[in-house]
Amino acid sequence: NGNIPYIGIDSEGSAGAPNSNNTVEGCNIYDFRFNDGGTRLGRAISLRTNNSAWTLKNNSVYLTNTQFVGSGNTTVDGAIWIENSGTDYLVDGNFIGGTAP
């Protein structure tokens, strides 16, 4: 299904306007697609360049149905993906996997 997103939460700041001091807490992030074997990578949370000081706490990441897994894809690229830029991230108490929170 082409309407299913590859990324649940996506952030990319810029050098002049970094994206910082954000919190994602107590959320259910689910039913995003695994990668397509090409350029689109399945991620629940993707913090790309020019981000810092995010709190990712007590979230549940899961898939309710195997329809979200593409043919030949067996893994998500990264449930929580933080590129190596920025500082002061707190990632704590997140549940990753299963079919429900």
PDB file of N, CA and C in Angstrom:
ATOM      1  N   ASN A   1       0.837  -1.183   0.000  1.00  0.00           N
ATOM      2  CA  ASN A   1       0.000   0.000   0.000  1.00  0.00           C
ATOM      3  C   ASN A   1       0.877   1.240   0.000  1.00  0.00           C
ATOM      4  N   GLY A   2       0.776   2.055  -1.018  1.00  0.00           N
ATOM      5  CA  GLY A   2       1.596   3.249  -1.154  1.00  0.00           C
ATOM      6  C   GLY A   2       1.231   4.373  -0.208  1.00  0.00           C
ATOM      7  N   ASN A   3       0.131   4.231   0.540  1.00  0.00           N
ATOM      8  CA  ASN A   3      -0.289   5.279   1.464  1.00  0.00           C
ATOM      9  C   ASN A   3       0.270   5.100   2.866  1.00  0.00           C
ATOM     10  N   ILE A   4       1.011   4.059   3.107  1.00  0.00           N
ATOM     11  CA  ILE A   4       1.581   3.802   4.427  1.00  0.00           C
ATOM     12  C   ILE A   4       2.934   4.510   4.507  1.00  0.00           C
ATOM     13  N   PRO A   5       3.148   5.348   5.512  1.00  0.00           N
ATOM     14  CA  PRO A   5       4.407   6.099   5.581  1.00  0.00           C
ATOM     15  C   PRO A   5       5.594   5.206   5.915  1.00  0.00           C
ATOM     16  N   TYR A   6       6.763   5.643   5.486  1.00  0.00           N
ATOM     17  CA  TYR A   6       8.001   4.953   5.836  1.00  0.00           C
ATOM     18  C   TYR A   6       8.561   5.454   7.151  1.00  0.00           C
ATOM     19  N   ILE A   7       8.219   6.667   7.544  1.00  0.00           N
ATOM     20  CA  ILE A   7       8.736   7.261   8.774  1.00  0.00           C
ATOM     21  C   ILE A   7       7.569   7.792   9.598  1.00  0.00           C
ATOM     22  N   GLY A   8       7.570   7.461  10.899  1.00  0.00           N
ATOM     23  CA  GLY A   8       6.516   7.940  11.774  1.00  0.00           C
ATOM     24  C   GLY A   8       6.702   9.398  12.168  1.00  0.00           C
ATOM     25  N   ILE A   9       7.884   9.741  12.685  1.00  0.00           N
ATOM     26  CA  ILE A   9       8.236  11.114  13.077  1.00  0.00           C
ATOM     27  C   ILE A   9       9.567  11.424  12.434  1.00  0.00           C
ATOM     28  N   ASP A  10       9.645  12.524  11.691  1.00  0.00           N
ATOM     29  CA  ASP A  10      10.845  12.879  10.945  1.00  0.00           C
ATOM     30  C   ASP A  10      11.219  14.320  11.253  1.00  0.00           C
ATOM     31  N   SER A  11      12.507  14.564  11.499  1.00  0.00           N
ATOM     32  CA  SER A  11      12.963  15.924  11.759  1.00  0.00           C
ATOM     33  C   SER A  11      14.313  16.161  11.118  1.00  0.00           C
ATOM     34  N   GLU A  12      14.421  17.295  10.446  1.00  0.00           N
ATOM     35  CA  GLU A  12      15.704  17.753   9.920  1.00  0.00           C
ATOM     36  C   GLU A  12      15.719  19.268  10.014  1.00  0.00           C
ATOM     37  N   GLY A  13      16.648  19.798  10.797  1.00  0.00           N
ATOM     38  CA  GLY A  13      16.786  21.245  10.909  1.00  0.00           C
ATOM     39  C   GLY A  13      17.718  21.766   9.834  1.00  0.00           C
ATOM     40  N   SER A  14      18.140  22.996   9.993  1.00  0.00           N
ATOM     41  CA  SER A  14      19.140  23.567   9.091  1.00  0.00           C
ATOM     42  C   SER A  14      20.205  24.235   9.946  1.00  0.00           C
ATOM     43  N   ALA A  15      21.341  24.555   9.339  1.00  0.00           N
ATOM     44  CA  ALA A  15      22.442  25.149  10.093  1.00  0.00           C
ATOM     45  C   ALA A  15      22.002  26.443  10.775  1.00  0.00           C
ATOM     46  N   GLY A  16      21.202  27.234  10.110  1.00  0.00           N
ATOM     47  CA  GLY A  16      20.744  28.501  10.677  1.00  0.00           C
ATOM     48  C   GLY A  16      19.549  28.364  11.596  1.00  0.00           C
ATOM     49  N   ALA A  17      18.858  27.244  11.519  1.00  0.00           N
ATOM     50  CA  ALA A  17      17.668  27.031  12.342  1.00  0.00           C
ATOM     51  C   ALA A  17      17.600  25.569  12.780  1.00  0.00           C
ATOM     52  N   PRO A  18      18.461  25.181  13.726  1.00  0.00           N
ATOM     53  CA  PRO A  18      18.424  23.790  14.178  1.00  0.00           C
ATOM     54  C   PRO A  18      17.111  23.468  14.884  1.00  0.00           C
ATOM     55  N   ASN A  19      16.721  22.213  14.826  1.00  0.00           N
ATOM     56  CA  ASN A  19      15.507  21.752  15.496  1.00  0.00           C
ATOM     57  C   ASN A  19      15.929  21.150  16.834  1.00  0.00           C
ATOM     58  N   SER A  20      15.610  21.820  17.935  1.00  0.00           N
ATOM     59  CA  SER A  20      16.093  21.358  19.235  1.00  0.00           C
ATOM     60  C   SER A  20      15.055  21.572  20.321  1.00  0.00           C
ATOM     61  N   ASN A  21      15.322  20.927  21.461  1.00  0.00           N
ATOM     62  CA  ASN A  21      14.476  21.014  22.651  1.00  0.00           C
ATOM     63  C   ASN A  21      13.050  20.524  22.391  1.00  0.00           C
ATOM     64  N   ASN A  22      12.944  19.357  21.757  1.00  0.00           N
ATOM     65  CA  ASN A  22      11.651  18.726  21.486  1.00  0.00           C
ATOM     66  C   ASN A  22      11.506  17.460  22.318  1.00  0.00           C
ATOM     67  N   THR A  23      10.256  17.110  22.633  1.00  0.00           N
ATOM     68  CA  THR A  23       9.974  15.907  23.408  1.00  0.00           C
ATOM     69  C   THR A  23       8.904  15.074  22.699  1.00  0.00           C
ATOM     70  N   VAL A  24       9.170  13.779  22.578  1.00  0.00           N
ATOM     71  CA  VAL A  24       8.183  12.802  22.135  1.00  0.00           C
ATOM     72  C   VAL A  24       8.072  11.819  23.296  1.00  0.00           C
ATOM     73  N   GLU A  25       6.949  11.881  24.012  1.00  0.00           N
ATOM     74  CA  GLU A  25       6.815  11.073  25.225  1.00  0.00           C
ATOM     75  C   GLU A  25       5.425  10.442  25.305  1.00  0.00           C
ATOM     76  N   GLY A  26       5.418   9.144  25.616  1.00  0.00           N
ATOM     77  CA  GLY A  26       4.163   8.430  25.819  1.00  0.00           C
ATOM     78  C   GLY A  26       3.349   8.224  24.561  1.00  0.00           C
ATOM     79  N   CYS A  27       4.001   8.151  23.422  1.00  0.00           N
ATOM     80  CA  CYS A  27       3.292   8.008  22.143  1.00  0.00           C
ATOM     81  C   CYS A  27       3.316   6.562  21.651  1.00  0.00           C
ATOM     82  N   ASN A  28       2.281   6.197  20.904  1.00  0.00           N
ATOM     83  CA  ASN A  28       2.256   4.946  20.160  1.00  0.00           C
ATOM     84  C   ASN A  28       2.610   5.279  18.722  1.00  0.00           C
ATOM     85  N   ILE A  29       3.743   4.777  18.271  1.00  0.00           N
ATOM     86  CA  ILE A  29       4.207   5.023  16.902  1.00  0.00           C
ATOM     87  C   ILE A  29       4.156   3.671  16.195  1.00  0.00           C
ATOM     88  N   TYR A  30       3.212   3.533  15.265  1.00  0.00           N
ATOM     89  CA  TYR A  30       2.972   2.206  14.711  1.00  0.00           C
ATOM     90  C   TYR A  30       2.517   2.279  13.258  1.00  0.00           C
ATOM     91  N   ASP A  31       2.596   1.119  12.630  1.00  0.00           N
ATOM     92  CA  ASP A  31       2.133   0.911  11.267  1.00  0.00           C
ATOM     93  C   ASP A  31       2.801   1.828  10.251  1.00  0.00           C
ATOM     94  N   PHE A  32       4.116   1.906  10.336  1.00  0.00           N
ATOM     95  CA  PHE A  32       4.926   2.500   9.284  1.00  0.00           C
ATOM     96  C   PHE A  32       5.536   1.324   8.531  1.00  0.00           C
ATOM     97  N   ARG A  33       5.972   1.563   7.321  1.00  0.00           N
ATOM     98  CA  ARG A  33       6.471   0.473   6.478  1.00  0.00           C
ATOM     99  C   ARG A  33       7.943   0.211   6.704  1.00  0.00           C
ATOM    100  N   PHE A  34       8.324  -1.038   6.593  1.00  0.00           N
ATOM    101  CA  PHE A  34       9.741  -1.391   6.570  1.00  0.00           C
ATOM    102  C   PHE A  34      10.347  -0.829   5.289  1.00  0.00           C
ATOM    103  N   ASN A  35      11.659  -0.877   5.172  1.00  0.00           N
ATOM    104  CA  ASN A  35      12.285  -0.298   3.977  1.00  0.00           C
ATOM    105  C   ASN A  35      11.875  -1.030   2.712  1.00  0.00           C
ATOM    106  N   ASP A  36      12.002  -0.318   1.597  1.00  0.00           N
ATOM    107  CA  ASP A  36      11.598  -0.882   0.312  1.00  0.00           C
ATOM    108  C   ASP A  36      12.750  -1.568  -0.411  1.00  0.00           C
ATOM    109  N   GLY A  37      13.885  -1.743   0.274  1.00  0.00           N
ATOM    110  CA  GLY A  37      15.050  -2.348  -0.350  1.00  0.00           C
ATOM    111  C   GLY A  37      15.810  -1.356  -1.219  1.00  0.00           C
ATOM    112  N   GLY A  38      15.381  -0.122  -1.236  1.00  0.00           N
ATOM    113  CA  GLY A  38      16.020   0.916  -2.039  1.00  0.00           C
ATOM    114  C   GLY A  38      16.367   2.122  -1.192  1.00  0.00           C
ATOM    115  N   THR A  39      15.852   3.267  -1.577  1.00  0.00           N
ATOM    116  CA  THR A  39      16.235   4.506  -0.915  1.00  0.00           C
ATOM    117  C   THR A  39      15.361   4.867   0.275  1.00  0.00           C
ATOM    118  N   ARG A  40      14.167   4.325   0.361  1.00  0.00           N
ATOM    119  CA  ARG A  40      13.265   4.661   1.477  1.00  0.00           C
ATOM    120  C   ARG A  40      13.477   3.677   2.618  1.00  0.00           C
ATOM    121  N   LEU A  41      13.756   4.204   3.808  1.00  0.00           N
ATOM    122  CA  LEU A  41      14.093   3.377   4.951  1.00  0.00           C
ATOM    123  C   LEU A  41      13.040   3.523   6.031  1.00  0.00           C
ATOM    124  N   GLY A  42      12.525   2.402   6.529  1.00  0.00           N
ATOM    125  CA  GLY A  42      11.508   2.436   7.559  1.00  0.00           C
ATOM    126  C   GLY A  42      12.079   2.808   8.915  1.00  0.00           C
ATOM    127  N   ARG A  43      11.519   3.848   9.507  1.00  0.00           N
ATOM    128  CA  ARG A  43      11.963   4.299  10.826  1.00  0.00           C
ATOM    129  C   ARG A  43      10.763   4.830  11.591  1.00  0.00           C
ATOM    130  N   ALA A  44      10.676   4.506  12.865  1.00  0.00           N
ATOM    131  CA  ALA A  44       9.609   5.073  13.688  1.00  0.00           C
ATOM    132  C   ALA A  44       9.898   6.541  13.968  1.00  0.00           C
ATOM    133  N   ILE A  45      11.127   6.834  14.390  1.00  0.00           N
ATOM    134  CA  ILE A  45      11.566   8.206  14.661  1.00  0.00           C
ATOM    135  C   ILE A  45      12.882   8.417  13.944  1.00  0.00           C
ATOM    136  N   SER A  46      12.966   9.456  13.142  1.00  0.00           N
ATOM    137  CA  SER A  46      14.175   9.756  12.385  1.00  0.00           C
ATOM    138  C   SER A  46      14.596  11.196  12.670  1.00  0.00           C
ATOM    139  N   LEU A  47      15.690  11.353  13.412  1.00  0.00           N
ATOM    140  CA  LEU A  47      16.238  12.683  13.686  1.00  0.00           C
ATOM    141  C   LEU A  47      17.495  12.834  12.839  1.00  0.00           C
ATOM    142  N   ARG A  48      17.347  13.582  11.778  1.00  0.00           N
ATOM    143  CA  ARG A  48      18.443  13.725  10.824  1.00  0.00           C
ATOM    144  C   ARG A  48      19.328  14.895  11.223  1.00  0.00           C
ATOM    145  N   THR A  49      19.982  15.549  10.303  1.00  0.00           N
ATOM    146  CA  THR A  49      20.977  16.569  10.629  1.00  0.00           C
ATOM    147  C   THR A  49      20.353  17.796  11.279  1.00  0.00           C
ATOM    148  N   ASN A  50      21.189  18.503  12.029  1.00  0.00           N
ATOM    149  CA  ASN A  50      20.829  19.767  12.687  1.00  0.00           C
ATOM    150  C   ASN A  50      19.679  19.623  13.678  1.00  0.00           C
ATOM    151  N   ASN A  51      19.758  18.579  14.482  1.00  0.00           N
ATOM    152  CA  ASN A  51      18.862  18.356  15.605  1.00  0.00           C
ATOM    153  C   ASN A  51      19.701  18.258  16.868  1.00  0.00           C
ATOM    154  N   SER A  52      19.137  18.622  18.009  1.00  0.00           N
ATOM    155  CA  SER A  52      19.798  18.401  19.293  1.00  0.00           C
ATOM    156  C   SER A  52      18.786  18.522  20.414  1.00  0.00           C
ATOM    157  N   ALA A  53      19.168  18.013  21.566  1.00  0.00           N
ATOM    158  CA  ALA A  53      18.391  18.140  22.803  1.00  0.00           C
ATOM    159  C   ALA A  53      16.958  17.629  22.655  1.00  0.00           C
ATOM    160  N   TRP A  54      16.821  16.436  22.103  1.00  0.00           N
ATOM    161  CA  TRP A  54      15.514  15.784  22.017  1.00  0.00           C
ATOM    162  C   TRP A  54      15.361  14.816  23.186  1.00  0.00           C
ATOM    163  N   THR A  55      14.129  14.664  23.670  1.00  0.00           N
ATOM    164  CA  THR A  55      13.782  13.645  24.649  1.00  0.00           C
ATOM    165  C   THR A  55      12.815  12.674  23.989  1.00  0.00           C
ATOM    166  N   LEU A  56      13.197  11.399  23.944  1.00  0.00           N
ATOM    167  CA  LEU A  56      12.370  10.327  23.389  1.00  0.00           C
ATOM    168  C   LEU A  56      12.151   9.342  24.525  1.00  0.00           C
ATOM    169  N   LYS A  57      10.978   9.389  25.152  1.00  0.00           N
ATOM    170  CA  LYS A  57      10.792   8.678  26.407  1.00  0.00           C
ATOM    171  C   LYS A  57       9.433   7.975  26.468  1.00  0.00           C
ATOM    172  N   ASN A  58       9.469   6.716  26.906  1.00  0.00           N
ATOM    173  CA  ASN A  58       8.269   5.920  27.178  1.00  0.00           C
ATOM    174  C   ASN A  58       7.313   5.818  25.986  1.00  0.00           C
ATOM    175  N   ASN A  59       7.864   5.644  24.804  1.00  0.00           N
ATOM    176  CA  ASN A  59       7.063   5.455  23.594  1.00  0.00           C
ATOM    177  C   ASN A  59       6.979   3.967  23.260  1.00  0.00           C
ATOM    178  N   SER A  60       5.946   3.585  22.518  1.00  0.00           N
ATOM    179  CA  SER A  60       5.807   2.215  22.018  1.00  0.00           C
ATOM    180  C   SER A  60       5.895   2.245  20.500  1.00  0.00           C
ATOM    181  N   VAL A  61       6.774   1.413  19.952  1.00  0.00           N
ATOM    182  CA  VAL A  61       6.972   1.307  18.501  1.00  0.00           C
ATOM    183  C   VAL A  61       6.600  -0.111  18.101  1.00  0.00           C
ATOM    184  N   TYR A  62       5.615  -0.252  17.191  1.00  0.00           N
ATOM    185  CA  TYR A  62       5.154  -1.587  16.834  1.00  0.00           C
ATOM    186  C   TYR A  62       4.411  -1.570  15.502  1.00  0.00           C
ATOM    187  N   LEU A  63       4.146  -2.765  14.986  1.00  0.00           N
ATOM    188  CA  LEU A  63       3.371  -2.954  13.757  1.00  0.00           C
ATOM    189  C   LEU A  63       2.174  -3.835  14.084  1.00  0.00           C
ATOM    190  N   THR A  64       0.973  -3.410  13.716  1.00  0.00           N
ATOM    191  CA  THR A  64      -0.224  -4.187  14.034  1.00  0.00           C
ATOM    192  C   THR A  64      -0.505  -5.295  13.029  1.00  0.00           C
ATOM    193  N   ASN A  65       0.157  -5.254  11.871  1.00  0.00           N
ATOM    194  CA  ASN A  65      -0.184  -6.190  10.811  1.00  0.00           C
ATOM    195  C   ASN A  65       1.034  -6.397   9.931  1.00  0.00           C
ATOM    196  N   THR A  66       1.222  -7.613   9.452  1.00  0.00           N
ATOM    197  CA  THR A  66       2.366  -7.899   8.596  1.00  0.00           C
ATOM    198  C   THR A  66       2.254  -7.256   7.218  1.00  0.00           C
ATOM    199  N   GLN A  67       1.122  -6.657   6.868  1.00  0.00           N
ATOM    200  CA  GLN A  67       1.005  -5.990   5.567  1.00  0.00           C
ATOM    201  C   GLN A  67       1.987  -4.832   5.444  1.00  0.00           C
ATOM    202  N   PHE A  68       2.509  -4.365   6.575  1.00  0.00           N
ATOM    203  CA  PHE A  68       3.433  -3.246   6.548  1.00  0.00           C
ATOM    204  C   PHE A  68       4.855  -3.680   6.247  1.00  0.00           C
ATOM    205  N   VAL A  69       5.074  -4.979   6.144  1.00  0.00           N
ATOM    206  CA  VAL A  69       6.394  -5.514   5.816  1.00  0.00           C
ATOM    207  C   VAL A  69       6.426  -5.801   4.330  1.00  0.00           C
ATOM    208  N   GLY A  70       7.318  -5.133   3.606  1.00  0.00           N
ATOM    209  CA  GLY A  70       7.413  -5.338   2.169  1.00  0.00           C
ATOM    210  C   GLY A  70       8.044  -6.677   1.827  1.00  0.00           C
ATOM    211  N   SER A  71       7.865  -7.105   0.635  1.00  0.00           N
ATOM    212  CA  SER A  71       8.407  -8.367   0.162  1.00  0.00           C
ATOM    213  C   SER A  71       9.924  -8.387   0.288  1.00  0.00           C
ATOM    214  N   GLY A  72      10.455  -9.408   0.931  1.00  0.00           N
ATOM    215  CA  GLY A  72      11.899  -9.576   1.070  1.00  0.00           C
ATOM    216  C   GLY A  72      12.523  -8.720   2.150  1.00  0.00           C
ATOM    217  N   ASN A  73      11.756  -7.873   2.826  1.00  0.00           N
ATOM    218  CA  ASN A  73      12.313  -7.025   3.878  1.00  0.00           C
ATOM    219  C   ASN A  73      11.989  -7.632   5.233  1.00  0.00           C
ATOM    220  N   THR A  74      13.015  -7.837   6.023  1.00  0.00           N
ATOM    221  CA  THR A  74      12.793  -8.481   7.308  1.00  0.00           C
ATOM    222  C   THR A  74      13.144  -7.585   8.494  1.00  0.00           C
ATOM    223  N   THR A  75      13.722  -6.426   8.256  1.00  0.00           N
ATOM    224  CA  THR A  75      14.099  -5.569   9.376  1.00  0.00           C
ATOM    225  C   THR A  75      13.786  -4.118   9.071  1.00  0.00           C
ATOM    226  N   VAL A  76      13.551  -3.366  10.118  1.00  0.00           N
ATOM    227  CA  VAL A  76      13.431  -1.918  10.001  1.00  0.00           C
ATOM    228  C   VAL A  76      14.843  -1.367   9.982  1.00  0.00           C
ATOM    229  N   ASP A  77      15.076  -0.305   9.240  1.00  0.00           N
ATOM    230  CA  ASP A  77      16.408   0.296   9.188  1.00  0.00           C
ATOM    231  C   ASP A  77      16.843   0.747  10.569  1.00  0.00           C
ATOM    232  N   GLY A  78      15.962   1.336  11.319  1.00  0.00           N
ATOM    233  CA  GLY A  78      16.255   1.761  12.686  1.00  0.00           C
ATOM    234  C   GLY A  78      14.973   2.246  13.330  1.00  0.00           C
ATOM    235  N   ALA A  79      14.555   1.630  14.408  1.00  0.00           N
ATOM    236  CA  ALA A  79      13.315   2.068  15.048  1.00  0.00           C
ATOM    237  C   ALA A  79      13.457   3.515  15.501  1.00  0.00           C
ATOM    238  N   ILE A  80      14.575   3.836  16.146  1.00  0.00           N
ATOM    239  CA  ILE A  80      14.890   5.216  16.521  1.00  0.00           C
ATOM    240  C   ILE A  80      16.241   5.532  15.902  1.00  0.00           C
ATOM    241  N   TRP A  81      16.243   6.449  14.957  1.00  0.00           N
ATOM    242  CA  TRP A  81      17.448   6.773  14.189  1.00  0.00           C
ATOM    243  C   TRP A  81      17.884   8.194  14.521  1.00  0.00           C
ATOM    244  N   ILE A  82      19.094   8.346  15.059  1.00  0.00           N
ATOM    245  CA  ILE A  82      19.648   9.670  15.349  1.00  0.00           C
ATOM    246  C   ILE A  82      20.962   9.773  14.606  1.00  0.00           C
ATOM    247  N   GLU A  83      21.021  10.670  13.622  1.00  0.00           N
ATOM    248  CA  GLU A  83      22.278  10.863  12.899  1.00  0.00           C
ATOM    249  C   GLU A  83      23.290  11.491  13.840  1.00  0.00           C
ATOM    250  N   ASN A  84      24.545  11.303  13.545  1.00  0.00           N
ATOM    251  CA  ASN A  84      25.588  11.742  14.469  1.00  0.00           C
ATOM    252  C   ASN A  84      25.878  13.232  14.355  1.00  0.00           C
ATOM    253  N   SER A  85      24.858  14.020  14.627  1.00  0.00           N
ATOM    254  CA  SER A  85      25.037  15.459  14.771  1.00  0.00           C
ATOM    255  C   SER A  85      24.201  15.897  15.955  1.00  0.00           C
ATOM    256  N   GLY A  86      24.568  16.970  16.589  1.00  0.00           N
ATOM    257  CA  GLY A  86      23.825  17.444  17.747  1.00  0.00           C
ATOM    258  C   GLY A  86      24.265  16.751  19.027  1.00  0.00           C
ATOM    259  N   THR A  87      23.739  17.222  20.136  1.00  0.00           N
ATOM    260  CA  THR A  87      24.093  16.699  21.451  1.00  0.00           C
ATOM    261  C   THR A  87      22.851  16.668  22.338  1.00  0.00           C
ATOM    262  N   ASP A  88      23.026  16.124  23.521  1.00  0.00           N
ATOM    263  CA  ASP A  88      22.022  16.178  24.586  1.00  0.00           C
ATOM    264  C   ASP A  88      20.721  15.466  24.250  1.00  0.00           C
ATOM    265  N   TYR A  89      20.817  14.247  23.741  1.00  0.00           N
ATOM    266  CA  TYR A  89      19.637  13.425  23.498  1.00  0.00           C
ATOM    267  C   TYR A  89      19.362  12.563  24.729  1.00  0.00           C
ATOM    268  N   LEU A  90      18.093  12.393  25.065  1.00  0.00           N
ATOM    269  CA  LEU A  90      17.689  11.460  26.104  1.00  0.00           C
ATOM    270  C   LEU A  90      16.742  10.451  25.474  1.00  0.00           C
ATOM    271  N   VAL A  91      17.141   9.180  25.452  1.00  0.00           N
ATOM    272  CA  VAL A  91      16.312   8.103  24.926  1.00  0.00           C
ATOM    273  C   VAL A  91      16.162   7.109  26.069  1.00  0.00           C
ATOM    274  N   ASP A  92      14.935   6.963  26.601  1.00  0.00           N
ATOM    275  CA  ASP A  92      14.748   6.178  27.805  1.00  0.00           C
ATOM    276  C   ASP A  92      13.362   5.554  27.856  1.00  0.00           C
ATOM    277  N   GLY A  93      13.310   4.281  28.232  1.00  0.00           N
ATOM    278  CA  GLY A  93      12.045   3.623  28.520  1.00  0.00           C
ATOM    279  C   GLY A  93      11.162   3.331  27.329  1.00  0.00           C
ATOM    280  N   ASN A  94      11.707   3.305  26.128  1.00  0.00           N
ATOM    281  CA  ASN A  94      10.918   3.033  24.928  1.00  0.00           C
ATOM    282  C   ASN A  94      10.764   1.529  24.734  1.00  0.00           C
ATOM    283  N   PHE A  95       9.582   1.097  24.277  1.00  0.00           N
ATOM    284  CA  PHE A  95       9.317  -0.300  23.974  1.00  0.00           C
ATOM    285  C   PHE A  95       9.297  -0.453  22.460  1.00  0.00           C
ATOM    286  N   ILE A  96      10.108  -1.363  21.941  1.00  0.00           N
ATOM    287  CA  ILE A  96      10.205  -1.557  20.493  1.00  0.00           C
ATOM    288  C   ILE A  96       9.903  -3.010  20.171  1.00  0.00           C
ATOM    289  N   GLY A  97       8.847  -3.223  19.362  1.00  0.00           N
ATOM    290  CA  GLY A  97       8.507  -4.565  18.905  1.00  0.00           C
ATOM    291  C   GLY A  97       7.092  -4.965  19.259  1.00  0.00           C
ATOM    292  N   GLY A  98       6.670  -6.080  18.700  1.00  0.00           N
ATOM    293  CA  GLY A  98       5.350  -6.605  18.972  1.00  0.00           C
ATOM    294  C   GLY A  98       4.291  -6.042  18.051  1.00  0.00           C
ATOM    295  N   THR A  99       3.026  -6.311  18.411  1.00  0.00           N
ATOM    296  CA  THR A  99       1.901  -5.879  17.593  1.00  0.00           C
ATOM    297  C   THR A  99       0.939  -4.949  18.342  1.00  0.00           C
ATOM    298  N   ALA A 100       1.331  -4.543  19.543  1.00  0.00           N
ATOM    299  CA  ALA A 100       0.513  -3.638  20.352  1.00  0.00           C
ATOM    300  C   ALA A 100       1.419  -2.937  21.355  1.00  0.00           C
ATOM    301  N   PRO A 101       0.959  -1.837  21.946  1.00  0.00           N
ATOM    302  CA  PRO A 101       1.810  -1.121  22.916  1.00  0.00           C
ATOM    303  C   PRO A 101       2.133  -1.962  24.148  1.00  0.00           C
TER     304      PRO A 101
END
